[in-house]
Amino acid sequence: MHCEVNIQNRIPSATKDGFETIGFKISGKDRWKRFDCISKPSEDEWASALERITAVYKKCCDDESIKNLEAVKELLWRCYESAKSFSDVNAFFLSKVCNELWGLEVLFFRYSDVQRAGIFVEEWEKIISQLSKFNELHDEIVREKGLEDIGYCGRNSVPFWYHCSCGGKVPLFMDSPPLAYGECPVCGEMYELNLESLKELFGSMSPNAITRNLVFSEGLGVALFISGAGGGLRYGLVSDGISKELGFNVPVTLMWRGRDYYLGAAHRAALNGLMKAFGLNPDDFLDEDTLILKAARKREMLASEIRSLEDELRVEGGGKSAVVKKLKRCRGQYISTDTQTKVAGKVFSLIPSILDVFVSVGVESVPKRWEAALSESIEVSADEFYSIEKDVVYGDDSVPLIYRSVQRLYERNKEIDPLGILKPE
């Protein structure tokens, strides 16, 4: 499996930003390389990254969560040791989770192996024979659907990469069919290829994201494609539109749109911060109106005390040190309510790395919760694609209420500022 994933993730943390960034950042010319040509980190770099993750969780995790973390780390080490590249580490981890821990018997394969085996070359030839129409449809759909972030391809663009010997992905163009040309963005090597010899070149090429959808759907005769709810759907709009016009197979696309509701260590730390700042108790988070009312009362009480102390200082003409000290403390408490609200709002609105779910609830419990969510009454809507709208709750029904209450307080934070001193973000 060729994993084109973001290998830098965020986990919730009760800090100013509401998260900690983990993983590795691919930068420089490596960004233009094929993922399977990027070397895995050195052993020291790998160990350092995992220890940093451990340090984040050890600040506030309970024993059960630390046990979950150690299990995930052990699996990551196994994947690292057997991997030859960055893509291997990711692919092996996903495969082992699905097959070993969840028992789903999911088949994984590398796109690069497909190319070397010469599978789907006929589908490529079908696209090349209609290249002008393919590019025209691509740009028309991008324009009509408002998908300019995907980009226009131009009339002479070839929707395949050539693999440079340095690992770079060479974009190809064709002004004089069947000759295609391109320059490696990594090393600058120039290439001129005769696409009449596609079968000979095939093992050193790969399709772009939109073309891959067409090729695999057509070649495998896919009936149902289960997609993520992110950027892949935008590519799907383009690939499906092209497929319909060029006579390629168009599978039914289904996505599951929802969010995970759980209380990890960072969520609990953020709730504790709010309770301390506003003088709340756990039940206050079960009703957003009650939470906002109590928060407003606490701010008003502090504001009243601050005004009173300020009046006392004016009367005293400079004031007593005890009054100044008390005023400073009250102002600090007032600002702290703002700080803790912003931290909690960010923690509870973050879409985290799956790692945090694994650590918080345990890897084995995740598919059970998925199954429980799908066994309940679900709604399937149909627009461009079919969509299941269903959240997954790890815990009891109070967990989504807590999320909504914290988010509502975060949204109303600036409104309940009787002193008018809180700064917007």
Foldseek 3Di string as FASTA:
>chain_A
DQDPDDQWFWAAALDLLRTDIAGDDDDDLSVQFRQQLAFDDDPVVVVVRLVVVVVRCVVFADPLLNVLSVVLVVLLVVQVVPDGGPRSSVVSSVVCLVCVQANPPDDDDDQLVCQVVLALVVVLVLCVVCVQVLLVLLQVLCVVVVVCVVPRQDRFWRQKFFQDPSRGTWTWGDPDPPWIWTAGPRPGDIDIDHCVVVSVRRSRMGGPLLVVVQRCCQRVVDAEAEDEPPPSVVSVSSSQSSCVVSVTDDHAYEYEDAAEFDQFRNLVVLVVLLCVLQVDDPVCLLALVSVLVSSLVSLVVLVVLLVVLVVVCVVVVRDDPVSVVVNVVSVVSNVSNVSSLSSNLSNLVDRGDCSRVCSGQNSNCVVVQVVVFVVDDWDWDDDPHIYTYTYGYDDDPSRVSNSVSSNVCSVCVCVSNVVNPDDDD
